mmCIF file of all heavy atoms, coordinates in Angstrom:
data_MODEL
# 
_entry.id   MODEL 
# 
loop_
_atom_site.group_PDB 
_atom_site.id 
_atom_site.type_symbol 
_atom_site.label_atom_id 
_atom_site.label_alt_id 
_atom_site.label_comp_id 
_atom_site.label_asym_id 
_atom_site.label_entity_id 
_atom_site.label_seq_id 
_atom_site.pdbx_PDB_ins_code 
_atom_site.Cartn_x 
_atom_site.Cartn_y 
_atom_site.Cartn_z 
_atom_site.occupancy 
_atom_site.B_iso_or_equiv 
_atom_site.pdbx_formal_charge 
_atom_site.auth_seq_id 
_atom_site.auth_comp_id 
_atom_site.auth_asym_id 
_atom_site.auth_atom_id 
_atom_site.pdbx_PDB_model_num 
ATOM 1   N N   . ARG A 1 1  ? 82.804 214.377 141.588 1.00 0.00 ? 1  ARG A N   1 
ATOM 2   C CA  . ARG A 1 1  ? 82.339 215.302 140.494 1.00 0.00 ? 1  ARG A CA  1 
ATOM 3   C C   . ARG A 1 1  ? 82.497 216.781 140.973 1.00 0.00 ? 1  ARG A C   1 
ATOM 4   O O   . ARG A 1 1  ? 83.048 217.629 140.320 1.00 0.00 ? 1  ARG A O   1 
ATOM 5   C CB  . ARG A 1 1  ? 80.988 214.978 139.980 1.00 0.00 ? 1  ARG A CB  1 
ATOM 6   C CG  . ARG A 1 1  ? 81.040 213.751 139.157 1.00 0.00 ? 1  ARG A CG  1 
ATOM 7   C CD  . ARG A 1 1  ? 79.602 213.504 138.450 1.00 0.00 ? 1  ARG A CD  1 
ATOM 8   N NE  . ARG A 1 1  ? 79.524 212.167 137.924 1.00 0.00 ? 1  ARG A NE  1 
ATOM 9   C CZ  . ARG A 1 1  ? 78.987 211.080 138.607 1.00 0.00 ? 1  ARG A CZ  1 
ATOM 10  N NH1 . ARG A 1 1  ? 78.597 211.230 139.953 1.00 0.00 ? 1  ARG A NH1 1 
ATOM 11  N NH2 . ARG A 1 1  ? 78.932 209.964 138.024 1.00 0.00 ? 1  ARG A NH2 1 
ATOM 12  N N   . ALA A 1 2  ? 81.902 217.009 142.184 1.00 0.00 ? 2  ALA A N   1 
ATOM 13  C CA  . ALA A 1 2  ? 81.823 218.315 142.641 1.00 0.00 ? 2  ALA A CA  1 
ATOM 14  C C   . ALA A 1 2  ? 83.295 218.827 142.991 1.00 0.00 ? 2  ALA A C   1 
ATOM 15  O O   . ALA A 1 2  ? 83.697 220.023 142.638 1.00 0.00 ? 2  ALA A O   1 
ATOM 16  C CB  . ALA A 1 2  ? 80.948 218.399 143.863 1.00 0.00 ? 2  ALA A CB  1 
ATOM 17  N N   . ASP A 1 3  ? 84.159 217.961 143.551 1.00 0.00 ? 3  ASP A N   1 
ATOM 18  C CA  . ASP A 1 3  ? 85.454 218.437 143.781 1.00 0.00 ? 3  ASP A CA  1 
ATOM 19  C C   . ASP A 1 3  ? 86.365 218.686 142.552 1.00 0.00 ? 3  ASP A C   1 
ATOM 20  O O   . ASP A 1 3  ? 87.108 219.455 142.564 1.00 0.00 ? 3  ASP A O   1 
ATOM 21  C CB  . ASP A 1 3  ? 86.169 217.323 144.752 1.00 0.00 ? 3  ASP A CB  1 
ATOM 22  C CG  . ASP A 1 3  ? 85.589 217.324 146.115 1.00 0.00 ? 3  ASP A CG  1 
ATOM 23  O OD1 . ASP A 1 3  ? 84.852 218.129 146.573 1.00 0.00 ? 3  ASP A OD1 1 
ATOM 24  O OD2 . ASP A 1 3  ? 85.911 216.202 146.790 1.00 0.00 ? 3  ASP A OD2 1 
ATOM 25  N N   . ILE A 1 4  ? 86.083 217.887 141.564 1.00 0.00 ? 4  ILE A N   1 
ATOM 26  C CA  . ILE A 1 4  ? 86.786 218.140 140.153 1.00 0.00 ? 4  ILE A CA  1 
ATOM 27  C C   . ILE A 1 4  ? 86.306 219.527 139.691 1.00 0.00 ? 4  ILE A C   1 
ATOM 28  O O   . ILE A 1 4  ? 87.248 220.272 139.263 1.00 0.00 ? 4  ILE A O   1 
ATOM 29  C CB  . ILE A 1 4  ? 86.377 217.020 139.273 1.00 0.00 ? 4  ILE A CB  1 
ATOM 30  C CG1 . ILE A 1 4  ? 87.124 215.704 139.567 1.00 0.00 ? 4  ILE A CG1 1 
ATOM 31  C CG2 . ILE A 1 4  ? 86.711 217.398 137.789 1.00 0.00 ? 4  ILE A CG2 1 
ATOM 32  C CD1 . ILE A 1 4  ? 86.517 214.515 138.744 1.00 0.00 ? 4  ILE A CD1 1 
ATOM 33  N N   . ARG A 1 5  ? 84.962 219.701 139.671 1.00 0.00 ? 5  ARG A N   1 
ATOM 34  C CA  . ARG A 1 5  ? 84.525 221.081 139.152 1.00 0.00 ? 5  ARG A CA  1 
ATOM 35  C C   . ARG A 1 5  ? 85.202 222.273 140.021 1.00 0.00 ? 5  ARG A C   1 
ATOM 36  O O   . ARG A 1 5  ? 85.687 223.226 139.460 1.00 0.00 ? 5  ARG A O   1 
ATOM 37  C CB  . ARG A 1 5  ? 83.019 221.177 139.272 1.00 0.00 ? 5  ARG A CB  1 
ATOM 38  C CG  . ARG A 1 5  ? 82.374 220.329 138.223 1.00 0.00 ? 5  ARG A CG  1 
ATOM 39  C CD  . ARG A 1 5  ? 80.836 220.468 138.352 1.00 0.00 ? 5  ARG A CD  1 
ATOM 40  N NE  . ARG A 1 5  ? 80.149 219.500 137.656 1.00 0.00 ? 5  ARG A NE  1 
ATOM 41  C CZ  . ARG A 1 5  ? 80.093 219.249 136.247 1.00 0.00 ? 5  ARG A CZ  1 
ATOM 42  N NH1 . ARG A 1 5  ? 80.710 220.219 135.494 1.00 0.00 ? 5  ARG A NH1 1 
ATOM 43  N NH2 . ARG A 1 5  ? 79.399 218.368 135.725 1.00 0.00 ? 5  ARG A NH2 1 
ATOM 44  N N   . THR A 1 6  ? 85.227 222.093 141.276 1.00 0.00 ? 6  THR A N   1 
ATOM 45  C CA  . THR A 1 6  ? 85.768 223.172 142.198 1.00 0.00 ? 6  THR A CA  1 
ATOM 46  C C   . THR A 1 6  ? 87.203 223.391 141.911 1.00 0.00 ? 6  THR A C   1 
ATOM 47  O O   . THR A 1 6  ? 87.631 224.559 141.811 1.00 0.00 ? 6  THR A O   1 
ATOM 48  C CB  . THR A 1 6  ? 85.568 222.827 143.626 1.00 0.00 ? 6  THR A CB  1 
ATOM 49  O OG1 . THR A 1 6  ? 84.147 222.652 143.891 1.00 0.00 ? 6  THR A OG1 1 
ATOM 50  C CG2 . THR A 1 6  ? 86.086 223.799 144.582 1.00 0.00 ? 6  THR A CG2 1 
ATOM 51  N N   . ALA A 1 7  ? 87.987 222.298 141.774 1.00 0.00 ? 7  ALA A N   1 
ATOM 52  C CA  . ALA A 1 7  ? 89.421 222.389 141.619 1.00 0.00 ? 7  ALA A CA  1 
ATOM 53  C C   . ALA A 1 7  ? 89.800 223.094 140.327 1.00 0.00 ? 7  ALA A C   1 
ATOM 54  O O   . ALA A 1 7  ? 90.667 223.924 140.213 1.00 0.00 ? 7  ALA A O   1 
ATOM 55  C CB  . ALA A 1 7  ? 90.077 220.942 141.640 1.00 0.00 ? 7  ALA A CB  1 
ATOM 56  N N   . LEU A 1 8  ? 89.071 222.610 139.188 1.00 0.00 ? 8  LEU A N   1 
ATOM 57  C CA  . LEU A 1 8  ? 89.237 223.238 137.863 1.00 0.00 ? 8  LEU A CA  1 
ATOM 58  C C   . LEU A 1 8  ? 88.858 224.650 137.858 1.00 0.00 ? 8  LEU A C   1 
ATOM 59  O O   . LEU A 1 8  ? 89.584 225.455 137.252 1.00 0.00 ? 8  LEU A O   1 
ATOM 60  C CB  . LEU A 1 8  ? 88.663 222.315 136.715 1.00 0.00 ? 8  LEU A CB  1 
ATOM 61  C CG  . LEU A 1 8  ? 89.311 221.027 136.389 1.00 0.00 ? 8  LEU A CG  1 
ATOM 62  C CD1 . LEU A 1 8  ? 88.385 220.189 135.547 1.00 0.00 ? 8  LEU A CD1 1 
ATOM 63  C CD2 . LEU A 1 8  ? 90.584 221.233 135.767 1.00 0.00 ? 8  LEU A CD2 1 
ATOM 64  N N   . ALA A 1 9  ? 87.747 224.886 138.470 1.00 0.00 ? 9  ALA A N   1 
ATOM 65  C CA  . ALA A 1 9  ? 87.318 226.360 138.541 1.00 0.00 ? 9  ALA A CA  1 
ATOM 66  C C   . ALA A 1 9  ? 88.417 227.281 139.185 1.00 0.00 ? 9  ALA A C   1 
ATOM 67  O O   . ALA A 1 9  ? 88.668 228.386 138.777 1.00 0.00 ? 9  ALA A O   1 
ATOM 68  C CB  . ALA A 1 9  ? 85.863 226.490 139.120 1.00 0.00 ? 9  ALA A CB  1 
ATOM 69  N N   . GLY A 1 10 ? 88.949 226.711 140.318 1.00 0.00 ? 10 GLY A N   1 
ATOM 70  C CA  . GLY A 1 10 ? 89.883 227.368 141.039 1.00 0.00 ? 10 GLY A CA  1 
ATOM 71  C C   . GLY A 1 10 ? 91.248 227.649 140.318 1.00 0.00 ? 10 GLY A C   1 
ATOM 72  O O   . GLY A 1 10 ? 91.895 228.634 140.578 1.00 0.00 ? 10 GLY A O   1 
ATOM 73  N N   . ALA A 1 11 ? 91.382 226.737 139.340 1.00 0.00 ? 11 ALA A N   1 
ATOM 74  C CA  . ALA A 1 11 ? 92.586 226.881 138.520 1.00 0.00 ? 11 ALA A CA  1 
ATOM 75  C C   . ALA A 1 11 ? 92.306 227.637 137.155 1.00 0.00 ? 11 ALA A C   1 
ATOM 76  O O   . ALA A 1 11 ? 93.286 227.793 136.307 1.00 0.00 ? 11 ALA A O   1 
ATOM 77  C CB  . ALA A 1 11 ? 93.122 225.592 138.188 1.00 0.00 ? 11 ALA A CB  1 
ATOM 78  N N   . GLY A 1 12 ? 91.137 228.270 137.078 1.00 0.00 ? 12 GLY A N   1 
ATOM 79  C CA  . GLY A 1 12 ? 90.731 229.034 135.895 1.00 0.00 ? 12 GLY A CA  1 
ATOM 80  C C   . GLY A 1 12 ? 90.200 228.254 134.776 1.00 0.00 ? 12 GLY A C   1 
ATOM 81  O O   . GLY A 1 12 ? 90.259 228.760 133.639 1.00 0.00 ? 12 GLY A O   1 
ATOM 82  N N   . TYR A 1 13 ? 89.588 227.133 135.041 1.00 0.00 ? 13 TYR A N   1 
ATOM 83  C CA  . TYR A 1 13 ? 88.915 226.405 133.966 1.00 0.00 ? 13 TYR A CA  1 
ATOM 84  C C   . TYR A 1 13 ? 87.442 226.162 134.447 1.00 0.00 ? 13 TYR A C   1 
ATOM 85  O O   . TYR A 1 13 ? 87.060 225.038 134.887 1.00 0.00 ? 13 TYR A O   1 
ATOM 86  C CB  . TYR A 1 13 ? 89.537 225.007 133.787 1.00 0.00 ? 13 TYR A CB  1 
ATOM 87  C CG  . TYR A 1 13 ? 91.075 225.041 133.463 1.00 0.00 ? 13 TYR A CG  1 
ATOM 88  C CD1 . TYR A 1 13 ? 92.018 224.935 134.411 1.00 0.00 ? 13 TYR A CD1 1 
ATOM 89  C CD2 . TYR A 1 13 ? 91.423 225.303 132.147 1.00 0.00 ? 13 TYR A CD2 1 
ATOM 90  C CE1 . TYR A 1 13 ? 93.400 225.058 134.045 1.00 0.00 ? 13 TYR A CE1 1 
ATOM 91  C CE2 . TYR A 1 13 ? 92.723 225.378 131.741 1.00 0.00 ? 13 TYR A CE2 1 
ATOM 92  C CZ  . TYR A 1 13 ? 93.778 225.278 132.776 1.00 0.00 ? 13 TYR A CZ  1 
ATOM 93  O OH  . TYR A 1 13 ? 95.069 225.352 132.279 1.00 0.00 ? 13 TYR A OH  1 
ATOM 94  N N   . PRO A 1 14 ? 86.573 227.058 134.151 1.00 0.00 ? 14 PRO A N   1 
ATOM 95  C CA  . PRO A 1 14 ? 85.204 226.928 134.565 1.00 0.00 ? 14 PRO A CA  1 
ATOM 96  C C   . PRO A 1 14 ? 84.257 226.069 133.817 1.00 0.00 ? 14 PRO A C   1 
ATOM 97  O O   . PRO A 1 14 ? 83.246 225.608 134.234 1.00 0.00 ? 14 PRO A O   1 
ATOM 98  C CB  . PRO A 1 14 ? 84.705 228.485 134.579 1.00 0.00 ? 14 PRO A CB  1 
ATOM 99  C CG  . PRO A 1 14 ? 85.507 229.187 133.537 1.00 0.00 ? 14 PRO A CG  1 
ATOM 100 C CD  . PRO A 1 14 ? 86.851 228.482 133.631 1.00 0.00 ? 14 PRO A CD  1 
ATOM 101 N N   . GLU A 1 15 ? 84.731 225.916 132.495 1.00 0.00 ? 15 GLU A N   1 
ATOM 102 C CA  . GLU A 1 15 ? 83.964 225.136 131.605 1.00 0.00 ? 15 GLU A CA  1 
ATOM 103 C C   . GLU A 1 15 ? 84.340 223.616 131.591 1.00 0.00 ? 15 GLU A C   1 
ATOM 104 O O   . GLU A 1 15 ? 85.447 223.262 131.190 1.00 0.00 ? 15 GLU A O   1 
ATOM 105 C CB  . GLU A 1 15 ? 84.120 225.694 130.189 1.00 0.00 ? 15 GLU A CB  1 
ATOM 106 C CG  . GLU A 1 15 ? 83.849 227.033 129.991 1.00 0.00 ? 15 GLU A CG  1 
ATOM 107 C CD  . GLU A 1 15 ? 82.399 227.328 129.570 1.00 0.00 ? 15 GLU A CD  1 
ATOM 108 O OE1 . GLU A 1 15 ? 81.639 226.316 129.178 1.00 0.00 ? 15 GLU A OE1 1 
ATOM 109 O OE2 . GLU A 1 15 ? 81.893 228.466 129.763 1.00 0.00 ? 15 GLU A OE2 1 
ATOM 110 N N   . VAL A 1 16 ? 83.579 222.894 132.379 1.00 0.00 ? 16 VAL A N   1 
ATOM 111 C CA  . VAL A 1 16 ? 83.845 221.500 132.615 1.00 0.00 ? 16 VAL A CA  1 
ATOM 112 C C   . VAL A 1 16 ? 82.783 220.463 132.281 1.00 0.00 ? 16 VAL A C   1 
ATOM 113 O O   . VAL A 1 16 ? 81.572 220.774 132.697 1.00 0.00 ? 16 VAL A O   1 
ATOM 114 C CB  . VAL A 1 16 ? 84.266 221.220 134.172 1.00 0.00 ? 16 VAL A CB  1 
ATOM 115 C CG1 . VAL A 1 16 ? 84.641 219.855 134.381 1.00 0.00 ? 16 VAL A CG1 1 
ATOM 116 C CG2 . VAL A 1 16 ? 85.406 222.163 134.494 1.00 0.00 ? 16 VAL A CG2 1 
ATOM 117 N N   . GLU A 1 17 ? 83.130 219.392 131.644 1.00 0.00 ? 17 GLU A N   1 
ATOM 118 C CA  . GLU A 1 17 ? 82.158 218.319 131.362 1.00 0.00 ? 17 GLU A CA  1 
ATOM 119 C C   . GLU A 1 17 ? 82.753 217.138 132.091 1.00 0.00 ? 17 GLU A C   1 
ATOM 120 O O   . GLU A 1 17 ? 83.967 216.835 131.826 1.00 0.00 ? 17 GLU A O   1 
ATOM 121 C CB  . GLU A 1 17 ? 81.869 217.990 129.896 1.00 0.00 ? 17 GLU A CB  1 
ATOM 122 C CG  . GLU A 1 17 ? 80.922 216.955 129.697 1.00 0.00 ? 17 GLU A CG  1 
ATOM 123 C CD  . GLU A 1 17 ? 80.880 216.568 128.191 1.00 0.00 ? 17 GLU A CD  1 
ATOM 124 O OE1 . GLU A 1 17 ? 81.303 217.382 127.321 1.00 0.00 ? 17 GLU A OE1 1 
ATOM 125 O OE2 . GLU A 1 17 ? 80.303 215.452 127.930 1.00 0.00 ? 17 GLU A OE2 1 
ATOM 126 N N   . ILE A 1 18 ? 82.036 216.345 132.781 1.00 0.00 ? 18 ILE A N   1 
ATOM 127 C CA  . ILE A 1 18 ? 82.476 215.139 133.447 1.00 0.00 ? 18 ILE A CA  1 
ATOM 128 C C   . ILE A 1 18 ? 81.689 213.925 132.859 1.00 0.00 ? 18 ILE A C   1 
ATOM 129 O O   . ILE A 1 18 ? 80.528 213.855 132.933 1.00 0.00 ? 18 ILE A O   1 
ATOM 130 C CB  . ILE A 1 18 ? 82.435 215.230 134.949 1.00 0.00 ? 18 ILE A CB  1 
ATOM 131 C CG1 . ILE A 1 18 ? 83.163 216.447 135.500 1.00 0.00 ? 18 ILE A CG1 1 
ATOM 132 C CG2 . ILE A 1 18 ? 82.832 213.965 135.651 1.00 0.00 ? 18 ILE A CG2 1 
ATOM 133 C CD1 . ILE A 1 18 ? 83.117 216.638 136.955 1.00 0.00 ? 18 ILE A CD1 1 
ATOM 134 N N   . VAL A 1 19 ? 82.429 213.001 132.308 1.00 0.00 ? 19 VAL A N   1 
ATOM 135 C CA  . VAL A 1 19 ? 81.903 211.761 131.681 1.00 0.00 ? 19 VAL A CA  1 
ATOM 136 C C   . VAL A 1 19 ? 82.164 210.612 132.570 1.00 0.00 ? 19 VAL A C   1 
ATOM 137 O O   . VAL A 1 19 ? 83.320 210.460 133.170 1.00 0.00 ? 19 VAL A O   1 
ATOM 138 C CB  . VAL A 1 19 ? 82.619 211.602 130.341 1.00 0.00 ? 19 VAL A CB  1 
ATOM 139 C CG1 . VAL A 1 19 ? 82.050 210.318 129.636 1.00 0.00 ? 19 VAL A CG1 1 
ATOM 140 C CG2 . VAL A 1 19 ? 82.283 212.908 129.448 1.00 0.00 ? 19 VAL A CG2 1 
ATOM 141 N N   . THR A 1 20 ? 81.232 209.780 132.776 1.00 0.00 ? 20 THR A N   1 
ATOM 142 C CA  . THR A 1 20 ? 81.414 208.613 133.647 1.00 0.00 ? 20 THR A CA  1 
ATOM 143 C C   . THR A 1 20 ? 81.507 207.391 132.663 1.00 0.00 ? 20 THR A C   1 
ATOM 144 O O   . THR A 1 20 ? 80.532 207.061 131.944 1.00 0.00 ? 20 THR A O   1 
ATOM 145 C CB  . THR A 1 20 ? 80.199 208.420 134.656 1.00 0.00 ? 20 THR A CB  1 
ATOM 146 O OG1 . THR A 1 20 ? 80.193 209.638 135.449 1.00 0.00 ? 20 THR A OG1 1 
ATOM 147 C CG2 . THR A 1 20 ? 80.448 207.030 135.477 1.00 0.00 ? 20 THR A CG2 1 
ATOM 148 N N   . ALA A 1 21 ? 82.653 206.744 132.648 1.00 0.00 ? 21 ALA A N   1 
ATOM 149 C CA  . ALA A 1 21 ? 82.832 205.551 131.894 1.00 0.00 ? 21 ALA A CA  1 
ATOM 150 C C   . ALA A 1 21 ? 82.692 204.315 132.707 1.00 0.00 ? 21 ALA A C   1 
ATOM 151 O O   . ALA A 1 21 ? 83.388 204.133 133.799 1.00 0.00 ? 21 ALA A O   1 
ATOM 152 C CB  . ALA A 1 21 ? 84.129 205.603 131.171 1.00 0.00 ? 21 ALA A CB  1 
ATOM 153 N N   . LEU A 1 22 ? 81.766 203.442 132.387 1.00 0.00 ? 22 LEU A N   1 
ATOM 154 C CA  . LEU A 1 22 ? 81.501 202.190 133.060 1.00 0.00 ? 22 LEU A CA  1 
ATOM 155 C C   . LEU A 1 22 ? 82.258 201.062 132.515 1.00 0.00 ? 22 LEU A C   1 
ATOM 156 O O   . LEU A 1 22 ? 82.384 200.001 133.263 1.00 0.00 ? 22 LEU A O   1 
ATOM 157 C CB  . LEU A 1 22 ? 79.991 201.891 133.252 1.00 0.00 ? 22 LEU A CB  1 
ATOM 158 C CG  . LEU A 1 22 ? 79.209 203.009 133.926 1.00 0.00 ? 22 LEU A CG  1 
ATOM 159 C CD1 . LEU A 1 22 ? 77.669 202.656 133.852 1.00 0.00 ? 22 LEU A CD1 1 
ATOM 160 C CD2 . LEU A 1 22 ? 79.636 203.293 135.344 1.00 0.00 ? 22 LEU A CD2 1 
ATOM 161 N N   . ALA A 1 23 ? 82.718 201.185 131.297 1.00 0.00 ? 23 ALA A N   1 
ATOM 162 C CA  . ALA A 1 23 ? 83.417 199.997 130.687 1.00 0.00 ? 23 ALA A CA  1 
ATOM 163 C C   . ALA A 1 23 ? 84.785 200.568 130.186 1.00 0.00 ? 23 ALA A C   1 
ATOM 164 O O   . ALA A 1 23 ? 84.800 201.592 129.463 1.00 0.00 ? 23 ALA A O   1 
ATOM 165 C CB  . ALA A 1 23 ? 82.560 199.451 129.659 1.00 0.00 ? 23 ALA A CB  1 
ATOM 166 N N   . PRO A 1 24 ? 85.847 199.908 130.326 1.00 0.00 ? 24 PRO A N   1 
ATOM 167 C CA  . PRO A 1 24 ? 85.885 198.651 131.212 1.00 0.00 ? 24 PRO A CA  1 
ATOM 168 C C   . PRO A 1 24 ? 85.746 199.090 132.703 1.00 0.00 ? 24 PRO A C   1 
ATOM 169 O O   . PRO A 1 24 ? 85.957 200.204 133.151 1.00 0.00 ? 24 PRO A O   1 
ATOM 170 C CB  . PRO A 1 24 ? 87.349 198.152 131.055 1.00 0.00 ? 24 PRO A CB  1 
ATOM 171 C CG  . PRO A 1 24 ? 88.121 199.310 130.660 1.00 0.00 ? 24 PRO A CG  1 
ATOM 172 C CD  . PRO A 1 24 ? 87.263 200.284 129.862 1.00 0.00 ? 24 PRO A CD  1 
# 
């Protein structure tokens, strides 16, 4: 999750929501 946020912020996308899907 932290690496996703860092990568997107570095590419100019600071607004990020990360959803965890357990199914399937």
